[in-house]
Amino acid sequence: MKKSEILLLSLLSLFFVSTLYLLYLQFYKSRLTSNVVSVSPVPTSIPTNNPVSGWQTYIDETLGFSFKHPSDFFKRISRVEVFDNSNQFTPKQFSDNWVKKSKTDELCPGCYQVLNESDYVVGTKVGLLQEIDSHPAGRSIQFLISHKNKMIMLRLNSAGDPDIPIPENIKTEFLQILSTFKFVE
């Protein structure tokens, strides 16, 4: 095969995978925003299948947020970072600024790219869920949300190779982590 044919097939494959992922995120988002149905409490004597039971709780008392995570979350090059956001950027503006700065980076121009993104609601705040390629770390899934003049970022690195998609089990786990994210003021 010619290099141009390989490149075209690679681009088409990336487009197809990205489209499927966006459809998955849109489906998940529609489930979050659907009408809430009132149900009776489950008696404590009936065992429940809670995927986050036994997880540890990360608490940032200064900013007033917490989330649950598996015990190996921080061993897998996962991180929580807090950045100054006194300019009141939305998560989308903050991310776009990183992409813009990356294009002029002398060591690695264009090494930070957003592959896909969608809004993710936490309480009354709207955050941004993204799949990114950040050379040399590779693909990651991250969540950005603004709170108290700070931008909070949760990131779970997946693969060092930017051509390897994030496995579905990693995406599912990250969404389970986000489902426990809350502000406690």
Protein backbone atom coordinates (compact mmCIF):
# COMPACT_ATOMS: atom_id res chain seq x y z
CA MET A 1 0.00 0.00 0.00
CA LYS A 2 1.11 3.53 -0.66
CA LYS A 3 1.76 5.86 2.24
CA SER A 4 -1.09 8.11 1.12
CA GLU A 5 -3.50 5.15 1.20
CA ILE A 6 -2.33 4.17 4.68
CA LEU A 7 -2.72 7.75 5.88
CA LEU A 8 -6.23 7.97 4.39
CA LEU A 9 -7.26 4.67 6.00
CA SER A 10 -5.81 5.81 9.33
CA LEU A 11 -7.70 9.10 9.17
CA LEU A 12 -10.94 7.35 8.25
CA SER A 13 -10.45 4.88 11.11
CA LEU A 14 -9.81 7.71 13.56
CA PHE A 15 -12.92 9.53 12.31
CA PHE A 16 -15.02 6.37 12.69
CA VAL A 17 -13.78 5.64 16.24
CA SER A 18 -14.19 9.29 17.27
CA THR A 19 -17.73 9.37 15.88
CA LEU A 20 -18.64 6.20 17.79
CA TYR A 21 -17.19 7.66 20.98
CA LEU A 22 -19.09 10.94 20.54
CA LEU A 23 -22.31 9.00 20.00
CA TYR A 24 -21.58 7.03 23.18
CA LEU A 25 -20.98 10.26 25.14
CA GLN A 26 -24.15 11.84 23.70
CA PHE A 27 -26.13 8.76 24.76
CA TYR A 28 -24.60 8.93 28.25
CA LYS A 29 -25.31 12.68 28.47
CA SER A 30 -28.95 12.16 27.43
CA ARG A 31 -29.29 9.59 30.21
CA LEU A 32 -27.99 12.16 32.70
CA THR A 33 -30.45 14.83 31.61
CA SER A 34 -33.52 12.61 31.32
CA ASN A 35 -36.38 13.03 33.77
CA VAL A 36 -35.75 11.64 37.22
CA VAL A 37 -38.17 8.94 38.30
CA SER A 38 -39.00 8.66 41.98
CA VAL A 39 -38.34 5.22 43.41
CA SER A 40 -38.71 3.70 46.85
CA PRO A 41 -35.53 3.22 48.87
CA VAL A 42 -33.91 -0.19 48.65
CA PRO A 43 -33.94 -2.05 51.98
CA THR A 44 -30.45 -2.53 53.40
CA SER A 45 -30.91 -6.28 53.65
CA ILE A 46 -30.86 -6.63 49.84
CA PRO A 47 -27.30 -6.61 48.45
CA THR A 48 -26.63 -4.03 45.74
CA ASN A 49 -24.11 -4.12 42.93
CA ASN A 50 -22.29 -0.83 43.56
CA PRO A 51 -19.21 -0.55 41.32
CA VAL A 52 -17.63 2.11 43.58
CA SER A 53 -18.08 0.31 46.89
CA GLY A 54 -14.73 -0.08 48.58
CA TRP A 55 -13.19 2.79 46.64
CA GLN A 56 -11.18 5.43 48.46
CA THR A 57 -12.35 9.04 48.74
CA TYR A 58 -10.20 11.96 47.59
CA ILE A 59 -11.11 15.17 49.44
CA ASP A 60 -9.80 18.66 48.73
CA GLU A 61 -10.92 20.63 51.77
CA THR A 62 -9.49 23.92 50.46
CA LEU A 63 -11.64 23.94 47.31
CA GLY A 64 -14.43 21.83 48.77
CA PHE A 65 -14.72 18.91 46.37
CA SER A 66 -14.42 15.16 46.61
CA PHE A 67 -14.66 12.03 44.50
CA LYS A 68 -14.27 8.30 44.92
CA HIS A 69 -11.54 6.38 43.11
CA PRO A 70 -10.03 2.89 42.95
CA SER A 71 -7.00 2.32 45.18
CA ASP A 72 -4.62 2.23 42.20
CA PHE A 73 -5.94 5.48 40.63
CA PHE A 74 -2.83 7.52 41.45
CA LYS A 75 -0.45 4.65 40.64
CA ARG A 76 -1.61 4.69 37.01
CA ILE A 77 -0.21 8.14 36.26
CA SER A 78 -3.57 9.61 37.14
CA ARG A 79 -3.67 13.02 38.69
CA VAL A 80 -5.65 15.87 40.08
CA GLU A 81 -4.34 19.33 39.27
CA VAL A 82 -5.61 22.76 40.22
CA PHE A 83 -4.79 25.81 38.10
CA ASP A 84 -5.37 29.51 38.64
CA ASN A 85 -8.54 30.63 36.84
CA SER A 86 -8.89 34.17 38.12
CA ASN A 87 -9.66 35.19 34.53
CA GLN A 88 -12.90 33.14 34.87
CA PHE A 89 -12.37 30.99 31.76
CA THR A 90 -14.97 28.33 31.08
CA PRO A 91 -13.50 24.81 30.89
CA LYS A 92 -13.79 25.00 27.08
CA GLN A 93 -11.93 28.35 26.95
CA PHE A 94 -9.27 26.99 29.30
CA SER A 95 -8.74 23.92 27.12
CA ASP A 96 -8.71 25.98 23.90
CA ASN A 97 -6.02 28.17 25.46
CA TRP A 98 -3.86 25.07 26.11
CA VAL A 99 -4.30 23.94 22.50
CA LYS A 100 -3.34 27.43 21.30
CA LYS A 101 -0.23 27.55 23.53
CA SER A 102 0.74 24.06 22.41
CA LYS A 103 0.89 25.17 18.76
CA THR A 104 3.71 27.60 19.58
CA ASP A 105 5.60 25.34 22.02
CA GLU A 106 9.26 25.31 20.96
CA LEU A 107 9.97 21.78 22.20
CA CYS A 108 6.86 20.08 20.89
CA PRO A 109 4.59 22.25 18.72
CA GLY A 110 1.04 20.97 18.59
CA CYS A 111 1.66 18.17 21.08
CA TYR A 112 -1.60 18.82 22.95
CA GLN A 113 -4.68 17.95 20.91
CA VAL A 114 -8.31 17.45 21.87
CA LEU A 115 -9.65 14.37 20.10
CA ASN A 116 -13.24 14.74 21.35
CA GLU A 117 -15.13 16.45 24.13
CA SER A 118 -18.54 16.83 25.73
CA ASP A 119 -20.14 18.73 28.58
CA TYR A 120 -20.47 16.95 31.93
CA VAL A 121 -22.72 18.38 34.65
CA VAL A 122 -21.76 18.29 38.35
CA GLY A 123 -24.51 19.79 40.50
CA THR A 124 -25.16 23.23 39.00
CA LYS A 125 -21.79 23.48 37.24
CA VAL A 126 -20.92 22.37 33.74
CA GLY A 127 -17.54 20.74 33.28
CA LEU A 128 -15.81 19.42 30.19
CA LEU A 129 -15.02 15.75 29.57
CA GLN A 130 -12.29 15.25 26.96
CA GLU A 131 -10.19 12.62 25.28
CA ILE A 132 -6.83 14.18 24.50
CA ASP A 133 -3.50 13.32 22.92
CA SER A 134 -0.66 14.89 24.82
CA HIS A 135 2.72 13.87 23.43
CA PRO A 136 4.68 12.01 24.81
CA ALA A 137 2.11 10.77 27.37
CA GLY A 138 -0.26 9.59 24.66
CA ARG A 139 -4.02 9.45 24.98
CA SER A 140 -5.73 10.49 28.18
CA ILE A 141 -9.22 11.12 29.41
CA GLN A 142 -9.66 14.25 31.46
CA PHE A 143 -12.30 16.34 33.18
CA LEU A 144 -12.10 20.12 33.65
CA ILE A 145 -14.38 22.18 35.90
CA SER A 146 -14.12 25.74 37.20
CA HIS A 147 -14.67 26.46 40.90
CA LYS A 148 -13.64 29.34 43.19
CA ASN A 149 -11.33 31.05 40.64
CA LYS A 150 -9.57 27.71 40.05
CA MET A 151 -9.71 25.17 37.25
CA ILE A 152 -9.81 21.61 38.56
CA MET A 153 -8.50 18.87 36.28
CA LEU A 154 -8.82 15.13 36.79
CA ARG A 155 -6.82 13.11 34.28
CA LEU A 156 -6.40 9.40 33.71
CA ASN A 157 -3.60 8.50 31.31
CA SER A 158 -4.24 5.43 29.26
CA ALA A 159 -1.69 4.69 26.56
CA GLY A 160 1.68 6.11 25.56
CA ASP A 161 0.90 5.55 21.90
CA PRO A 162 -1.41 8.25 20.46
CA ASP A 163 -2.71 5.76 17.88
CA ILE A 164 -4.07 3.40 20.54
CA PRO A 165 -7.63 4.34 21.61
CA ILE A 166 -8.47 4.46 25.28
CA PRO A 167 -9.94 1.08 26.24
CA GLU A 168 -13.66 1.04 27.04
CA ASN A 169 -13.06 -0.27 30.56
CA ILE A 170 -10.87 2.79 31.29
CA LYS A 171 -13.56 5.14 29.95
CA THR A 172 -16.22 3.36 32.00
CA GLU A 173 -14.12 3.56 35.15
CA PHE A 174 -13.44 7.26 34.61
CA LEU A 175 -17.17 7.94 34.17
CA GLN A 176 -17.83 6.00 37.41
CA ILE A 177 -15.26 8.22 39.16
CA LEU A 178 -16.94 11.34 37.76
CA SER A 179 -20.34 10.09 38.90
CA THR A 180 -19.06 10.44 42.49
CA PHE A 181 -17.50 13.91 41.99
CA LYS A 182 -19.22 16.54 44.10
CA PHE A 183 -18.70 19.93 45.68
CA VAL A 184 -19.10 20.01 49.46
CA GLU A 185 -19.32 23.62 50.56
